[in-house]
Amino acid sequence: MALKGRPKEPLPPPLPHESRPIGQVIAEAIRLYGQRFWPALALGIGPAVTLVGVVFIPGWWDLAFALIVGAPLMTASYIGGVLLASGERPPRKQVAVAFAVGVMLFVPALFLYSFFILPAVVWLGAFGLAVPVALLEGRGYAGSLRRGFELCRADPIHAIGSLAALVIVSFLTATVLFVLLLGASKIARSSAAFVSLVFISPLLFLGAGQLYFDQAARLASSTRSRRSDADLHHALEPDGTGRPDA
């Protein structure tokens, strides 16, 4: 007689954006990747092409390639991740502003990454949300940068920590896939690295797109809390002038 398996229980609903932990940002990125696999897979082309250029171009020209070609490609993948996470189709003008802001942010990020990854993560965690701000809120260059930094300040640990966790998870997963695909020659190694980045790096951009909504909700929640505290403070103040209350 066949044994009956335990019935599957429905997954609990996700927490609201203002209270989501870092782990749920990663989980939601994985879930979105599975739901929109083919469009999400295209997000990995930019990082993979950037890696191939850095590997095969000799000397300091590899850094120039990363800054001139890699930054626009990474920005395009980031914008694509935000669009998949939001499900919106903003006007072309907002896409153009977001692209310009993203390139401006990724150029120093890639330069910092060439020395050590942590400063690049902190930089993008502090200002990287300016890209979805420009894309979804329609702000200008300066306004997007100010708003992006304001969103990070709403919960900097969650903003920078989530981005760092996404980088770590993507790096470790890509490394495992790279080892599985590894061949003997240099071409085989480069091909394995290219394939692993194409498949894994979309998680980073999808998670970054999810992070915008978390930080926006946290900022809105803290603003409402401050207003409530201010209203309560005024209600408890004694009357200044006039007749006392009966």
C-alpha atoms as a PDB file:
ATOM      1  CA  MET A   1       0.000   0.000   0.000  1.00  0.00           C
ATOM      2  CA  ALA A   2       1.386   3.371  -0.958  1.00  0.00           C
ATOM      3  CA  LEU A   3       2.158   5.668   1.897  1.00  0.00           C
ATOM      4  CA  LYS A   4       0.341   8.950   1.843  1.00  0.00           C
ATOM      5  CA  GLY A   5       2.623  11.906   2.022  1.00  0.00           C
ATOM      6  CA  ARG A   6       2.109  14.743   4.386  1.00  0.00           C
ATOM      7  CA  PRO A   7      -0.209  17.324   2.798  1.00  0.00           C
ATOM      8  CA  LYS A   8       1.548  20.480   1.731  1.00  0.00           C
ATOM      9  CA  GLU A   9       0.744  23.468   3.859  1.00  0.00           C
ATOM     10  CA  PRO A  10       0.443  26.859   2.177  1.00  0.00           C
ATOM     11  CA  LEU A  11       3.371  29.175   2.680  1.00  0.00           C
ATOM     12  CA  PRO A  12       2.798  32.043   5.101  1.00  0.00           C
ATOM     13  CA  PRO A  13       2.160  35.401   3.459  1.00  0.00           C
ATOM     14  CA  PRO A  14       5.190  37.689   3.159  1.00  0.00           C
ATOM     15  CA  LEU A  15       5.697  40.327   5.802  1.00  0.00           C
ATOM     16  CA  PRO A  16       4.915  43.941   4.900  1.00  0.00           C
ATOM     17  CA  HIS A  17       7.773  45.857   3.308  1.00  0.00           C
ATOM     18  CA  GLU A  18       8.441  48.013   6.366  1.00  0.00           C
ATOM     19  CA  SER A  19       9.191  44.956   8.535  1.00  0.00           C
ATOM     20  CA  ARG A  20      10.754  42.488   6.108  1.00  0.00           C
ATOM     21  CA  PRO A  21      14.077  41.015   7.251  1.00  0.00           C
ATOM     22  CA  ILE A  22      17.091  40.629   5.010  1.00  0.00           C
ATOM     23  CA  GLY A  23      16.416  36.946   4.430  1.00  0.00           C
ATOM     24  CA  GLN A  24      13.005  37.671   2.979  1.00  0.00           C
ATOM     25  CA  VAL A  25      14.506  40.108   0.474  1.00  0.00           C
ATOM     26  CA  ILE A  26      16.598  37.224  -0.849  1.00  0.00           C
ATOM     27  CA  ALA A  27      13.640  34.837  -0.747  1.00  0.00           C
ATOM     28  CA  GLU A  28      11.423  37.260  -2.669  1.00  0.00           C
ATOM     29  CA  ALA A  29      14.173  37.751  -5.258  1.00  0.00           C
ATOM     30  CA  ILE A  30      14.383  33.976  -5.756  1.00  0.00           C
ATOM     31  CA  ARG A  31      10.593  33.714  -6.008  1.00  0.00           C
ATOM     32  CA  LEU A  32      10.445  36.506  -8.588  1.00  0.00           C
ATOM     33  CA  TYR A  33      13.277  34.861 -10.540  1.00  0.00           C
ATOM     34  CA  GLY A  34      11.242  31.674 -10.758  1.00  0.00           C
ATOM     35  CA  GLN A  35       8.083  33.500 -11.803  1.00  0.00           C
ATOM     36  CA  ARG A  36       9.775  35.619 -14.511  1.00  0.00           C
ATOM     37  CA  PHE A  37      12.637  33.302 -15.416  1.00  0.00           C
ATOM     38  CA  TRP A  38      13.346  34.247 -19.036  1.00  0.00           C
ATOM     39  CA  PRO A  39      13.097  38.031 -18.650  1.00  0.00           C
ATOM     40  CA  ALA A  40      15.116  37.783 -15.428  1.00  0.00           C
ATOM     41  CA  LEU A  41      17.768  35.619 -17.081  1.00  0.00           C
ATOM     42  CA  ALA A  42      18.517  38.443 -19.516  1.00  0.00           C
ATOM     43  CA  LEU A  43      19.650  40.557 -16.550  1.00  0.00           C
ATOM     44  CA  GLY A  44      22.739  38.374 -16.235  1.00  0.00           C
ATOM     45  CA  ILE A  45      24.124  39.225 -19.672  1.00  0.00           C
ATOM     46  CA  GLY A  46      25.569  42.586 -18.607  1.00  0.00           C
ATOM     47  CA  PRO A  47      27.649  41.286 -15.674  1.00  0.00           C
ATOM     48  CA  ALA A  48      28.786  38.276 -17.725  1.00  0.00           C
ATOM     49  CA  VAL A  49      29.967  40.409 -20.655  1.00  0.00           C
ATOM     50  CA  THR A  50      31.738  42.734 -18.224  1.00  0.00           C
ATOM     51  CA  LEU A  51      33.551  39.777 -16.663  1.00  0.00           C
ATOM     52  CA  VAL A  52      34.663  38.390 -20.040  1.00  0.00           C
ATOM     53  CA  GLY A  53      36.048  41.787 -21.023  1.00  0.00           C
ATOM     54  CA  VAL A  54      37.923  42.159 -17.742  1.00  0.00           C
ATOM     55  CA  VAL A  55      39.373  38.630 -18.063  1.00  0.00           C
ATOM     56  CA  PHE A  56      40.588  38.883 -21.659  1.00  0.00           C
ATOM     57  CA  ILE A  57      41.627  42.555 -21.913  1.00  0.00           C
ATOM     58  CA  PRO A  58      45.212  42.971 -20.628  1.00  0.00           C
ATOM     59  CA  GLY A  59      46.659  45.564 -18.283  1.00  0.00           C
ATOM     60  CA  TRP A  60      44.786  48.612 -17.070  1.00  0.00           C
ATOM     61  CA  TRP A  61      42.566  48.462 -20.156  1.00  0.00           C
ATOM     62  CA  ASP A  62      40.386  45.971 -18.322  1.00  0.00           C
ATOM     63  CA  LEU A  63      39.466  48.655 -15.775  1.00  0.00           C
ATOM     64  CA  ALA A  64      38.749  51.102 -18.600  1.00  0.00           C
ATOM     65  CA  PHE A  65      36.484  48.503 -20.217  1.00  0.00           C
ATOM     66  CA  ALA A  66      34.654  47.957 -16.937  1.00  0.00           C
ATOM     67  CA  LEU A  67      34.084  51.687 -16.462  1.00  0.00           C
ATOM     68  CA  ILE A  68      33.155  52.555 -20.057  1.00  0.00           C
ATOM     69  CA  VAL A  69      31.248  49.414 -21.084  1.00  0.00           C
ATOM     70  CA  GLY A  70      30.558  47.578 -17.843  1.00  0.00           C
ATOM     71  CA  ALA A  71      28.898  50.475 -16.021  1.00  0.00           C
ATOM     72  CA  PRO A  72      26.196  50.993 -18.702  1.00  0.00           C
ATOM     73  CA  LEU A  73      25.592  47.231 -18.921  1.00  0.00           C
ATOM     74  CA  MET A  74      25.259  46.894 -15.143  1.00  0.00           C
ATOM     75  CA  THR A  75      22.925  49.891 -15.084  1.00  0.00           C
ATOM     76  CA  ALA A  76      20.720  48.329 -17.758  1.00  0.00           C
ATOM     77  CA  SER A  77      20.497  45.120 -15.711  1.00  0.00           C
ATOM     78  CA  TYR A  78      19.648  47.102 -12.575  1.00  0.00           C
ATOM     79  CA  ILE A  79      16.878  48.992 -14.369  1.00  0.00           C
ATOM     80  CA  GLY A  80      15.541  45.711 -15.706  1.00  0.00           C
ATOM     81  CA  GLY A  81      15.499  44.241 -12.199  1.00  0.00           C
ATOM     82  CA  VAL A  82      13.567  47.225 -10.857  1.00  0.00           C
ATOM     83  CA  LEU A  83      11.039  46.982 -13.697  1.00  0.00           C
ATOM     84  CA  LEU A  84      10.494  43.277 -13.044  1.00  0.00           C
ATOM     85  CA  ALA A  85      10.136  43.877  -9.302  1.00  0.00           C
ATOM     86  CA  SER A  86       7.683  46.746  -9.767  1.00  0.00           C
ATOM     87  CA  GLY A  87       5.748  45.522 -12.787  1.00  0.00           C
ATOM     88  CA  GLU A  88       5.545  49.113 -14.054  1.00  0.00           C
ATOM     89  CA  ARG A  89       6.407  50.636 -17.437  1.00  0.00           C
ATOM     90  CA  PRO A  90       7.590  54.202 -16.819  1.00  0.00           C
ATOM     91  CA  PRO A  91       7.985  56.807 -19.584  1.00  0.00           C
ATOM     92  CA  ARG A  92      11.177  56.870 -21.626  1.00  0.00           C
ATOM     93  CA  LYS A  93      12.298  60.122 -20.045  1.00  0.00           C
ATOM     94  CA  GLN A  94      12.320  58.522 -16.593  1.00  0.00           C
ATOM     95  CA  VAL A  95      14.200  55.511 -17.979  1.00  0.00           C
ATOM     96  CA  ALA A  96      16.805  57.840 -19.504  1.00  0.00           C
ATOM     97  CA  VAL A  97      17.279  59.742 -16.244  1.00  0.00           C
ATOM     98  CA  ALA A  98      17.537  56.480 -14.296  1.00  0.00           C
ATOM     99  CA  PHE A  99      20.124  55.190 -16.775  1.00  0.00           C
ATOM    100  CA  ALA A 100      22.240  58.338 -16.448  1.00  0.00           C
ATOM    101  CA  VAL A 101      22.033  58.203 -12.648  1.00  0.00           C
ATOM    102  CA  GLY A 102      22.935  54.505 -12.668  1.00  0.00           C
ATOM    103  CA  VAL A 103      26.007  54.966 -14.856  1.00  0.00           C
ATOM    104  CA  MET A 104      27.127  57.843 -12.645  1.00  0.00           C
ATOM    105  CA  LEU A 105      26.851  55.534  -9.612  1.00  0.00           C
ATOM    106  CA  PHE A 106      28.302  52.363 -11.141  1.00  0.00           C
ATOM    107  CA  VAL A 107      31.473  54.037 -12.440  1.00  0.00           C
ATOM    108  CA  PRO A 108      32.851  54.752  -8.927  1.00  0.00           C
ATOM    109  CA  ALA A 109      31.368  51.473  -7.664  1.00  0.00           C
ATOM    110  CA  LEU A 110      33.319  49.435 -10.224  1.00  0.00           C
ATOM    111  CA  PHE A 111      36.442  51.467  -9.491  1.00  0.00           C
ATOM    112  CA  LEU A 112      36.064  50.750  -5.771  1.00  0.00           C
ATOM    113  CA  TYR A 113      35.327  47.088  -6.532  1.00  0.00           C
ATOM    114  CA  SER A 114      38.679  46.801  -8.323  1.00  0.00           C
ATOM    115  CA  PHE A 115      40.354  47.385  -4.942  1.00  0.00           C
ATOM    116  CA  PHE A 116      37.909  45.848  -2.446  1.00  0.00           C
ATOM    117  CA  ILE A 117      34.264  44.883  -2.667  1.00  0.00           C
ATOM    118  CA  LEU A 118      33.055  46.277   0.683  1.00  0.00           C
ATOM    119  CA  PRO A 119      33.402  50.006  -0.198  1.00  0.00           C
ATOM    120  CA  ALA A 120      31.519  49.345  -3.443  1.00  0.00           C
ATOM    121  CA  VAL A 121      28.679  47.668  -1.528  1.00  0.00           C
ATOM    122  CA  VAL A 122      28.481  50.552   0.955  1.00  0.00           C
ATOM    123  CA  TRP A 123      28.494  53.101  -1.886  1.00  0.00           C
ATOM    124  CA  LEU A 124      25.684  51.372  -3.754  1.00  0.00           C
ATOM    125  CA  GLY A 125      23.763  50.768  -0.546  1.00  0.00           C
ATOM    126  CA  ALA A 126      23.932  54.466   0.301  1.00  0.00           C
ATOM    127  CA  PHE A 127      23.118  55.923  -3.125  1.00  0.00           C
ATOM    128  CA  GLY A 128      22.062  53.045  -5.382  1.00  0.00           C
ATOM    129  CA  LEU A 129      18.367  53.471  -4.603  1.00  0.00           C
ATOM    130  CA  ALA A 130      18.520  56.690  -6.618  1.00  0.00           C
ATOM    131  CA  VAL A 131      18.073  54.549  -9.746  1.00  0.00           C
ATOM    132  CA  PRO A 132      14.616  53.166  -8.835  1.00  0.00           C
ATOM    133  CA  VAL A 133      13.708  56.613  -7.488  1.00  0.00           C
ATOM    134  CA  ALA A 134      14.401  58.194 -10.879  1.00  0.00           C
ATOM    135  CA  LEU A 135      12.725  55.299 -12.677  1.00  0.00           C
ATOM    136  CA  LEU A 136       9.527  55.004 -10.629  1.00  0.00           C
ATOM    137  CA  GLU A 137       9.106  58.421  -9.008  1.00  0.00           C
ATOM    138  CA  GLY A 138      10.174  60.547 -11.974  1.00  0.00           C
ATOM    139  CA  ARG A 139      12.642  62.749 -10.083  1.00  0.00           C
ATOM    140  CA  GLY A 140      15.602  64.529 -11.643  1.00  0.00           C
ATOM    141  CA  TYR A 141      19.293  63.769 -11.170  1.00  0.00           C
ATOM    142  CA  ALA A 142      19.912  65.690  -7.953  1.00  0.00           C
ATOM    143  CA  GLY A 143      16.486  64.882  -6.534  1.00  0.00           C
ATOM    144  CA  SER A 144      16.983  61.177  -7.180  1.00  0.00           C
ATOM    145  CA  LEU A 145      20.347  61.166  -5.401  1.00  0.00           C
ATOM    146  CA  ARG A 146      18.928  63.018  -2.392  1.00  0.00           C
ATOM    147  CA  ARG A 147      15.896  60.759  -2.221  1.00  0.00           C
ATOM    148  CA  GLY A 148      18.038  57.624  -2.649  1.00  0.00           C
ATOM    149  CA  PHE A 149      20.267  58.623   0.252  1.00  0.00           C
ATOM    150  CA  GLU A 150      17.176  59.492   2.296  1.00  0.00           C
ATOM    151  CA  LEU A 151      15.776  56.010   1.658  1.00  0.00           C
ATOM    152  CA  CYS A 152      19.035  54.451   2.822  1.00  0.00           C
ATOM    153  CA  ARG A 153      18.981  56.546   6.009  1.00  0.00           C
ATOM    154  CA  ALA A 154      15.515  55.191   6.833  1.00  0.00           C
ATOM    155  CA  ASP A 155      17.214  51.890   7.754  1.00  0.00           C
ATOM    156  CA  PRO A 156      20.878  51.804   6.688  1.00  0.00           C
ATOM    157  CA  ILE A 157      21.486  48.395   8.243  1.00  0.00           C
ATOM    158  CA  HIS A 158      18.702  46.864   6.163  1.00  0.00           C
ATOM    159  CA  ALA A 159      19.734  48.720   2.989  1.00  0.00           C
ATOM    160  CA  ILE A 160      23.457  47.965   3.089  1.00  0.00           C
ATOM    161  CA  GLY A 161      23.023  44.604   4.824  1.00  0.00           C
ATOM    162  CA  SER A 162      20.514  43.369   2.243  1.00  0.00           C
ATOM    163  CA  LEU A 163      22.780  44.394  -0.613  1.00  0.00           C
ATOM    164  CA  ALA A 164      25.769  42.731   1.059  1.00  0.00           C
ATOM    165  CA  ALA A 165      23.755  39.543   1.643  1.00  0.00           C
ATOM    166  CA  LEU A 166      22.645  39.512  -1.998  1.00  0.00           C
ATOM    167  CA  VAL A 167      26.257  39.903  -3.121  1.00  0.00           C
ATOM    168  CA  ILE A 168      27.423  37.090  -0.828  1.00  0.00           C
ATOM    169  CA  VAL A 169      24.644  34.697  -1.858  1.00  0.00           C
ATOM    170  CA  SER A 170      25.156  35.466  -5.545  1.00  0.00           C
ATOM    171  CA  PHE A 171      28.928  35.084  -5.269  1.00  0.00           C
ATOM    172  CA  LEU A 172      28.788  31.779  -3.392  1.00  0.00           C
ATOM    173  CA  THR A 173      26.139  30.314  -5.682  1.00  0.00           C
ATOM    174  CA  ALA A 174      27.988  31.453  -8.799  1.00  0.00           C
ATOM    175  CA  THR A 175      31.205  29.959  -7.406  1.00  0.00           C
ATOM    176  CA  VAL A 176      29.541  26.579  -6.854  1.00  0.00           C
ATOM    177  CA  LEU A 177      28.113  26.628 -10.375  1.00  0.00           C
ATOM    178  CA  PHE A 178      31.496  27.712 -11.745  1.00  0.00           C
ATOM    179  CA  VAL A 179      33.229  24.765 -10.079  1.00  0.00           C
ATOM    180  CA  LEU A 180      30.645  22.368 -11.496  1.00  0.00           C
ATOM    181  CA  LEU A 181      31.135  23.749 -15.000  1.00  0.00           C
ATOM    182  CA  LEU A 182      34.875  24.151 -14.723  1.00  0.00           C
ATOM    183  CA  GLY A 183      36.985  22.785 -17.567  1.00  0.00           C
ATOM    184  CA  ALA A 184      40.708  22.395 -18.006  1.00  0.00           C
ATOM    185  CA  SER A 185      41.590  25.225 -20.414  1.00  0.00           C
ATOM    186  CA  LYS A 186      41.382  28.985 -19.972  1.00  0.00           C
ATOM    187  CA  ILE A 187      38.534  29.139 -22.488  1.00  0.00           C
ATOM    188  CA  ALA A 188      36.621  26.547 -20.497  1.00  0.00           C
ATOM    189  CA  ARG A 189      37.150  28.511 -17.282  1.00  0.00           C
ATOM    190  CA  SER A 190      35.957  31.710 -18.913  1.00  0.00           C
ATOM    191  CA  SER A 191      32.933  29.955 -20.371  1.00  0.00           C
ATOM    192  CA  ALA A 192      32.074  28.486 -16.976  1.00  0.00           C
ATOM    193  CA  ALA A 193      32.375  31.905 -15.336  1.00  0.00           C
ATOM    194  CA  PHE A 194      30.222  33.476 -18.067  1.00  0.00           C
ATOM    195  CA  VAL A 195      27.446  30.892 -17.703  1.00  0.00           C
ATOM    196  CA  SER A 196      27.488  31.013 -13.903  1.00  0.00           C
ATOM    197  CA  LEU A 197      27.150  34.808 -13.897  1.00  0.00           C
ATOM    198  CA  VAL A 198      24.373  34.773 -16.488  1.00  0.00           C
ATOM    199  CA  PHE A 199      22.320  32.416 -14.331  1.00  0.00           C
ATOM    200  CA  ILE A 200      23.101  33.761 -10.849  1.00  0.00           C
ATOM    201  CA  SER A 201      23.636  37.535 -11.090  1.00  0.00           C
ATOM    202  CA  PRO A 202      19.935  38.272 -11.822  1.00  0.00           C
ATOM    203  CA  LEU A 203      19.272  37.546  -8.133  1.00  0.00           C
ATOM    204  CA  LEU A 204      21.328  40.605  -7.223  1.00  0.00           C
ATOM    205  CA  PHE A 205      19.346  42.968  -9.434  1.00  0.00           C
ATOM    206  CA  LEU A 206      15.947  41.502  -8.556  1.00  0.00           C
ATOM    207  CA  GLY A 207      16.773  41.793  -4.860  1.00  0.00           C
ATOM    208  CA  ALA A 208      17.956  45.378  -5.315  1.00  0.00           C
ATOM    209  CA  GLY A 209      14.635  46.152  -6.975  1.00  0.00           C
ATOM    210  CA  GLN A 210      12.781  44.654  -4.008  1.00  0.00           C
ATOM    211  CA  LEU A 211      14.939  46.672  -1.617  1.00  0.00           C
ATOM    212  CA  TYR A 212      13.582  49.969  -2.943  1.00  0.00           C
ATOM    213  CA  PHE A 213      10.055  49.114  -1.794  1.00  0.00           C
ATOM    214  CA  ASP A 214      11.326  48.009   1.627  1.00  0.00           C
ATOM    215  CA  GLN A 215      13.173  51.260   2.225  1.00  0.00           C
ATOM    216  CA  ALA A 216      10.339  53.417   0.882  1.00  0.00           C
ATOM    217  CA  ALA A 217       7.903  51.683   3.239  1.00  0.00           C
ATOM    218  CA  ARG A 218      10.302  52.086   6.166  1.00  0.00           C
ATOM    219  CA  LEU A 219      10.702  55.792   5.462  1.00  0.00           C
ATOM    220  CA  ALA A 220       6.941  56.297   5.176  1.00  0.00           C
ATOM    221  CA  SER A 221       6.381  54.343   8.400  1.00  0.00           C
ATOM    222  CA  SER A 222       8.955  56.372  10.335  1.00  0.00           C
ATOM    223  CA  THR A 223       7.451  59.616   8.987  1.00  0.00           C
ATOM    224  CA  ARG A 224       3.971  58.589  10.139  1.00  0.00           C
ATOM    225  CA  SER A 225       5.381  57.616  13.533  1.00  0.00           C
ATOM    226  CA  ARG A 226       7.051  61.015  13.974  1.00  0.00           C
ATOM    227  CA  ARG A 227       3.839  62.794  13.034  1.00  0.00           C
ATOM    228  CA  SER A 228       1.854  60.709  15.524  1.00  0.00           C
ATOM    229  CA  ASP A 229       4.374  61.478  18.261  1.00  0.00           C
ATOM    230  CA  ALA A 230       4.193  65.187  17.427  1.00  0.00           C
ATOM    231  CA  ASP A 231       0.390  65.167  17.537  1.00  0.00           C
ATOM    232  CA  LEU A 232       0.452  63.372  20.878  1.00  0.00           C
ATOM    233  CA  HIS A 233       3.013  65.829  22.230  1.00  0.00           C
ATOM    234  CA  HIS A 234       0.835  68.815  21.285  1.00  0.00           C
ATOM    235  CA  ALA A 235      -2.245  67.161  22.786  1.00  0.00           C
ATOM    236  CA  LEU A 236      -0.488  66.732  26.118  1.00  0.00           C
ATOM    237  CA  GLU A 237       0.851  70.295  26.267  1.00  0.00           C
ATOM    238  CA  PRO A 238      -0.873  72.521  28.873  1.00  0.00           C
ATOM    239  CA  ASP A 239      -2.890  75.492  27.656  1.00  0.00           C
ATOM    240  CA  GLY A 240      -0.732  78.550  27.241  1.00  0.00           C
ATOM    241  CA  THR A 241      -3.183  81.429  27.497  1.00  0.00           C
ATOM    242  CA  GLY A 242      -6.899  81.864  27.810  1.00  0.00           C
ATOM    243  CA  ARG A 243      -9.409  80.347  30.144  1.00  0.00           C
ATOM    244  CA  PRO A 244      -8.525  77.077  31.807  1.00  0.00           C
ATOM    245  CA  ASP A 245     -10.508  74.017  30.831  1.00  0.00           C
ATOM    246  CA  ALA A 246     -13.626  73.484  32.857  1.00  0.00           C
END
